Amino acid sequence: MLILSRKTDQRLVIGDTIEITVVELRDGHVRLGITAPKNVPVYRKELLEQIVAENVEAAASAQLSDAVRTRVIPGFPRAANPGVSGQTSENRKGD
């Protein structure tokens, strides 16, 4: 980790396209201004960690819901079957 001291209105440059400006120092808080290309996502770390945790939880819940529906709803499609829409081997005639 690189540790630098900066004063208000001083800047840091990361690569050729990202610039961080110290906007304000007050009561132990630092306000930063960040200039970056639109294709570079900029997140507060604690917010990004929360988003990732919620996405993992939602994905796990969706997988659980699919597993429950497969066991509870007869004929619920377990896997995509090309050419046979909405049918599983259990509810197709002629198998």
N, C-alpha and C. Protein backbone atom coordinates (compact mmCIF):
# COMPACT_ATOMS: atom_id res chain seq x y z
N MET A 1 0.85 -1.17 0.00
CA MET A 1 0.00 0.00 0.00
C MET A 1 0.89 1.23 0.00
N LEU A 2 0.59 2.16 -0.85
CA LEU A 2 1.29 3.44 -0.91
C LEU A 2 0.55 4.43 -0.03
N ILE A 3 1.25 5.07 0.87
CA ILE A 3 0.64 6.06 1.77
C ILE A 3 1.22 7.42 1.44
N LEU A 4 0.34 8.37 1.15
CA LEU A 4 0.76 9.72 0.79
C LEU A 4 0.07 10.75 1.67
N SER A 5 0.72 11.87 1.86
CA SER A 5 0.09 13.01 2.55
C SER A 5 -0.33 14.01 1.48
N ARG A 6 -1.54 14.53 1.59
CA ARG A 6 -2.04 15.51 0.65
C ARG A 6 -2.76 16.60 1.42
N LYS A 7 -2.79 17.78 0.89
CA LYS A 7 -3.54 18.90 1.46
C LYS A 7 -4.74 19.18 0.57
N THR A 8 -5.65 20.01 1.07
CA THR A 8 -6.83 20.38 0.29
C THR A 8 -6.41 20.92 -1.07
N ASP A 9 -7.13 20.51 -2.09
CA ASP A 9 -6.92 20.87 -3.49
C ASP A 9 -5.70 20.21 -4.14
N GLN A 10 -4.98 19.35 -3.43
CA GLN A 10 -3.91 18.61 -4.07
C GLN A 10 -4.49 17.35 -4.69
N ARG A 11 -3.79 16.84 -5.69
CA ARG A 11 -4.33 15.73 -6.49
C ARG A 11 -3.36 14.57 -6.57
N LEU A 12 -3.94 13.42 -6.86
CA LEU A 12 -3.20 12.21 -7.19
C LEU A 12 -3.64 11.77 -8.57
N VAL A 13 -2.73 11.19 -9.32
CA VAL A 13 -3.07 10.67 -10.65
C VAL A 13 -2.75 9.18 -10.66
N ILE A 14 -3.72 8.40 -11.12
CA ILE A 14 -3.53 6.95 -11.25
C ILE A 14 -3.60 6.62 -12.74
N GLY A 15 -2.52 6.09 -13.25
CA GLY A 15 -2.46 5.83 -14.70
C GLY A 15 -2.58 7.13 -15.46
N ASP A 16 -3.16 7.06 -16.63
CA ASP A 16 -3.33 8.26 -17.47
C ASP A 16 -4.71 8.87 -17.35
N THR A 17 -5.65 8.17 -16.71
CA THR A 17 -7.04 8.60 -16.83
C THR A 17 -7.77 8.85 -15.52
N ILE A 18 -7.17 8.54 -14.39
CA ILE A 18 -7.87 8.69 -13.11
C ILE A 18 -7.17 9.75 -12.27
N GLU A 19 -7.95 10.69 -11.76
CA GLU A 19 -7.42 11.76 -10.93
C GLU A 19 -8.25 11.87 -9.65
N ILE A 20 -7.58 11.92 -8.52
CA ILE A 20 -8.25 12.04 -7.22
C ILE A 20 -7.82 13.36 -6.60
N THR A 21 -8.80 14.16 -6.20
CA THR A 21 -8.55 15.47 -5.62
C THR A 21 -9.03 15.49 -4.17
N VAL A 22 -8.20 16.01 -3.27
CA VAL A 22 -8.62 16.20 -1.89
C VAL A 22 -9.46 17.48 -1.88
N VAL A 23 -10.76 17.33 -1.68
CA VAL A 23 -11.69 18.46 -1.74
C VAL A 23 -11.78 19.17 -0.40
N GLU A 24 -11.81 18.39 0.69
CA GLU A 24 -12.00 18.99 2.00
C GLU A 24 -11.48 18.07 3.10
N LEU A 25 -10.89 18.67 4.13
CA LEU A 25 -10.48 17.97 5.34
C LEU A 25 -11.21 18.63 6.49
N ARG A 26 -12.02 17.83 7.24
CA ARG A 26 -12.76 18.42 8.35
C ARG A 26 -13.11 17.36 9.38
N ASP A 27 -12.81 17.63 10.62
CA ASP A 27 -13.18 16.76 11.74
C ASP A 27 -12.83 15.30 11.51
N GLY A 28 -11.65 15.04 11.00
CA GLY A 28 -11.23 13.66 10.79
C GLY A 28 -11.81 13.01 9.55
N HIS A 29 -12.50 13.75 8.72
CA HIS A 29 -13.07 13.22 7.48
C HIS A 29 -12.37 13.86 6.29
N VAL A 30 -12.24 13.09 5.25
CA VAL A 30 -11.65 13.58 4.00
C VAL A 30 -12.70 13.46 2.92
N ARG A 31 -12.93 14.53 2.17
CA ARG A 31 -13.81 14.46 1.00
C ARG A 31 -12.93 14.42 -0.22
N LEU A 32 -13.18 13.45 -1.07
CA LEU A 32 -12.39 13.25 -2.27
C LEU A 32 -13.24 13.47 -3.51
N GLY A 33 -12.65 14.03 -4.52
CA GLY A 33 -13.28 14.12 -5.83
C GLY A 33 -12.52 13.18 -6.76
N ILE A 34 -13.25 12.39 -7.53
CA ILE A 34 -12.62 11.40 -8.41
C ILE A 34 -13.05 11.66 -9.84
N THR A 35 -12.07 11.82 -10.70
CA THR A 35 -12.33 11.97 -12.13
C THR A 35 -11.82 10.70 -12.81
N ALA A 36 -12.72 9.99 -13.48
CA ALA A 36 -12.35 8.73 -14.14
C ALA A 36 -13.24 8.56 -15.36
N PRO A 37 -12.78 7.80 -16.34
CA PRO A 37 -13.61 7.53 -17.51
C PRO A 37 -14.89 6.81 -17.09
N LYS A 38 -15.94 6.97 -17.88
CA LYS A 38 -17.23 6.35 -17.55
C LYS A 38 -17.17 4.83 -17.51
N ASN A 39 -16.21 4.24 -18.22
CA ASN A 39 -16.12 2.78 -18.24
C ASN A 39 -15.35 2.23 -17.04
N VAL A 40 -14.88 3.10 -16.14
CA VAL A 40 -14.18 2.67 -14.93
C VAL A 40 -15.13 2.82 -13.75
N PRO A 41 -15.60 1.71 -13.18
CA PRO A 41 -16.51 1.82 -12.04
C PRO A 41 -15.76 2.32 -10.81
N VAL A 42 -16.41 3.19 -10.05
CA VAL A 42 -15.83 3.71 -8.81
C VAL A 42 -16.87 3.48 -7.72
N TYR A 43 -16.51 2.70 -6.70
CA TYR A 43 -17.41 2.38 -5.60
C TYR A 43 -16.70 2.62 -4.28
N ARG A 44 -17.48 2.96 -3.26
CA ARG A 44 -16.96 2.90 -1.89
C ARG A 44 -16.84 1.43 -1.55
N LYS A 45 -15.74 1.04 -0.92
CA LYS A 45 -15.50 -0.39 -0.68
C LYS A 45 -16.61 -1.03 0.14
N GLU A 46 -17.07 -0.36 1.19
CA GLU A 46 -18.10 -0.97 2.04
C GLU A 46 -19.41 -1.15 1.27
N LEU A 47 -19.71 -0.28 0.33
CA LEU A 47 -20.91 -0.42 -0.49
C LEU A 47 -20.74 -1.58 -1.47
N LEU A 48 -19.58 -1.69 -2.09
CA LEU A 48 -19.32 -2.79 -3.02
C LEU A 48 -19.41 -4.14 -2.31
N GLU A 49 -18.86 -4.22 -1.09
CA GLU A 49 -18.94 -5.47 -0.33
C GLU A 49 -20.39 -5.83 -0.02
N GLN A 50 -21.22 -4.83 0.29
CA GLN A 50 -22.64 -5.07 0.56
C GLN A 50 -23.36 -5.57 -0.69
N ILE A 51 -23.07 -4.95 -1.83
CA ILE A 51 -23.70 -5.35 -3.09
C ILE A 51 -23.32 -6.80 -3.43
N VAL A 52 -22.04 -7.13 -3.29
CA VAL A 52 -21.58 -8.49 -3.59
C VAL A 52 -22.27 -9.50 -2.67
N ALA A 53 -22.35 -9.18 -1.37
CA ALA A 53 -22.99 -10.09 -0.42
C ALA A 53 -24.47 -10.30 -0.77
N GLU A 54 -25.16 -9.23 -1.14
CA GLU A 54 -26.58 -9.35 -1.52
C GLU A 54 -26.74 -10.17 -2.78
N ASN A 55 -25.84 -10.00 -3.75
CA ASN A 55 -25.92 -10.78 -4.99
C ASN A 55 -25.68 -12.27 -4.72
N VAL A 56 -24.72 -12.57 -3.86
CA VAL A 56 -24.45 -13.97 -3.51
C VAL A 56 -25.67 -14.58 -2.82
N GLU A 57 -26.26 -13.81 -1.90
CA GLU A 57 -27.45 -14.29 -1.19
C GLU A 57 -28.61 -14.52 -2.14
N ALA A 58 -28.82 -13.58 -3.08
CA ALA A 58 -29.91 -13.71 -4.05
C ALA A 58 -29.69 -14.93 -4.95
N ALA A 59 -28.46 -15.15 -5.37
CA ALA A 59 -28.17 -16.30 -6.23
C ALA A 59 -28.41 -17.61 -5.48
N ALA A 60 -27.99 -17.65 -4.22
CA ALA A 60 -28.21 -18.86 -3.42
C ALA A 60 -29.70 -19.10 -3.21
N SER A 61 -30.45 -18.04 -2.97
CA SER A 61 -31.89 -18.15 -2.77
C SER A 61 -32.57 -18.64 -4.05
N ALA A 62 -32.13 -18.14 -5.20
CA ALA A 62 -32.72 -18.57 -6.48
C ALA A 62 -32.44 -20.05 -6.72
N GLN A 63 -31.24 -20.50 -6.40
CA GLN A 63 -30.91 -21.92 -6.57
C GLN A 63 -31.75 -22.77 -5.64
N LEU A 64 -31.94 -22.31 -4.40
CA LEU A 64 -32.76 -23.04 -3.45
C LEU A 64 -34.20 -23.10 -3.93
N SER A 65 -34.71 -21.97 -4.43
CA SER A 65 -36.09 -21.93 -4.93
C SER A 65 -36.28 -22.92 -6.07
N ASP A 66 -35.32 -22.99 -6.99
CA ASP A 66 -35.41 -23.93 -8.10
C ASP A 66 -35.41 -25.37 -7.57
N ALA A 67 -34.57 -25.65 -6.59
CA ALA A 67 -34.51 -27.00 -6.02
C ALA A 67 -35.82 -27.36 -5.35
N VAL A 68 -36.40 -26.42 -4.62
CA VAL A 68 -37.68 -26.66 -3.93
C VAL A 68 -38.79 -26.87 -4.95
N ARG A 69 -38.85 -26.02 -5.98
CA ARG A 69 -39.90 -26.17 -7.00
C ARG A 69 -39.78 -27.51 -7.70
N THR A 70 -38.57 -27.97 -7.94
CA THR A 70 -38.37 -29.24 -8.62
C THR A 70 -38.95 -30.39 -7.80
N ARG A 71 -38.83 -30.31 -6.49
CA ARG A 71 -39.33 -31.37 -5.63
C ARG A 71 -40.82 -31.23 -5.33
N VAL A 72 -41.34 -30.00 -5.32
CA VAL A 72 -42.71 -29.75 -4.90
C VAL A 72 -43.69 -29.73 -6.07
N ILE A 73 -43.29 -29.19 -7.20
CA ILE A 73 -44.20 -29.05 -8.34
C ILE A 73 -43.93 -30.16 -9.34
N PRO A 74 -44.83 -31.10 -9.45
CA PRO A 74 -44.62 -32.18 -10.40
C PRO A 74 -44.47 -31.65 -11.82
N GLY A 75 -43.50 -32.17 -12.53
CA GLY A 75 -43.29 -31.79 -13.91
C GLY A 75 -42.53 -30.49 -14.10
N PHE A 76 -42.09 -29.85 -13.01
CA PHE A 76 -41.32 -28.61 -13.14
C PHE A 76 -40.05 -28.93 -13.92
N PRO A 77 -39.76 -28.13 -14.97
CA PRO A 77 -38.58 -28.43 -15.79
C PRO A 77 -37.29 -28.36 -14.97
N ARG A 78 -36.55 -29.45 -15.00
CA ARG A 78 -35.28 -29.49 -14.25
C ARG A 78 -34.13 -28.96 -15.07
N ALA A 79 -34.18 -29.13 -16.36
CA ALA A 79 -33.10 -28.64 -17.22
C ALA A 79 -33.69 -28.35 -18.58
N ALA A 80 -33.07 -27.43 -19.26
CA ALA A 80 -33.54 -27.11 -20.61
C ALA A 80 -33.36 -28.34 -21.48
N ASN A 81 -34.35 -28.62 -22.28
CA ASN A 81 -34.31 -29.77 -23.16
C ASN A 81 -34.57 -29.27 -24.57
N PRO A 82 -33.55 -29.13 -25.40
CA PRO A 82 -33.73 -28.55 -26.73
C PRO A 82 -34.84 -29.24 -27.51
N GLY A 83 -35.72 -28.42 -28.05
CA GLY A 83 -36.79 -28.94 -28.89
C GLY A 83 -38.01 -29.41 -28.14
N VAL A 84 -37.95 -29.50 -26.80
CA VAL A 84 -39.08 -29.95 -26.01
C VAL A 84 -39.33 -28.90 -24.95
N SER A 85 -40.19 -27.96 -25.24
CA SER A 85 -40.42 -26.83 -24.36
C SER A 85 -41.21 -27.23 -23.12
N GLY A 86 -40.63 -26.96 -21.93
CA GLY A 86 -41.35 -27.15 -20.67
C GLY A 86 -41.59 -28.59 -20.27
N GLN A 87 -40.92 -29.54 -20.89
CA GLN A 87 -41.15 -30.92 -20.54
C GLN A 87 -39.89 -31.55 -19.97
N THR A 88 -40.09 -32.47 -19.05
CA THR A 88 -38.98 -33.26 -18.52
C THR A 88 -39.21 -34.70 -18.94
N SER A 89 -38.24 -35.54 -18.66
CA SER A 89 -38.38 -36.94 -19.06
C SER A 89 -39.53 -37.61 -18.31
N GLU A 90 -39.95 -37.01 -17.14
CA GLU A 90 -41.03 -37.62 -16.38
C GLU A 90 -42.41 -37.36 -16.96
N ASN A 91 -42.59 -36.22 -17.71
CA ASN A 91 -43.93 -35.92 -18.18
C ASN A 91 -44.08 -35.98 -19.70
N ARG A 92 -43.06 -36.47 -20.40
CA ARG A 92 -43.18 -36.64 -21.84
C ARG A 92 -43.80 -37.99 -22.15
N LYS A 93 -44.67 -38.00 -23.15
CA LYS A 93 -45.29 -39.27 -23.55
C LYS A 93 -44.35 -39.99 -24.49
N GLY A 94 -44.34 -41.29 -24.37
CA GLY A 94 -43.56 -42.11 -25.30
C GLY A 94 -42.15 -42.40 -24.83
N ASP A 95 -41.77 -41.95 -23.63
CA ASP A 95 -40.42 -42.27 -23.10
C ASP A 95 -40.42 -43.59 -22.40
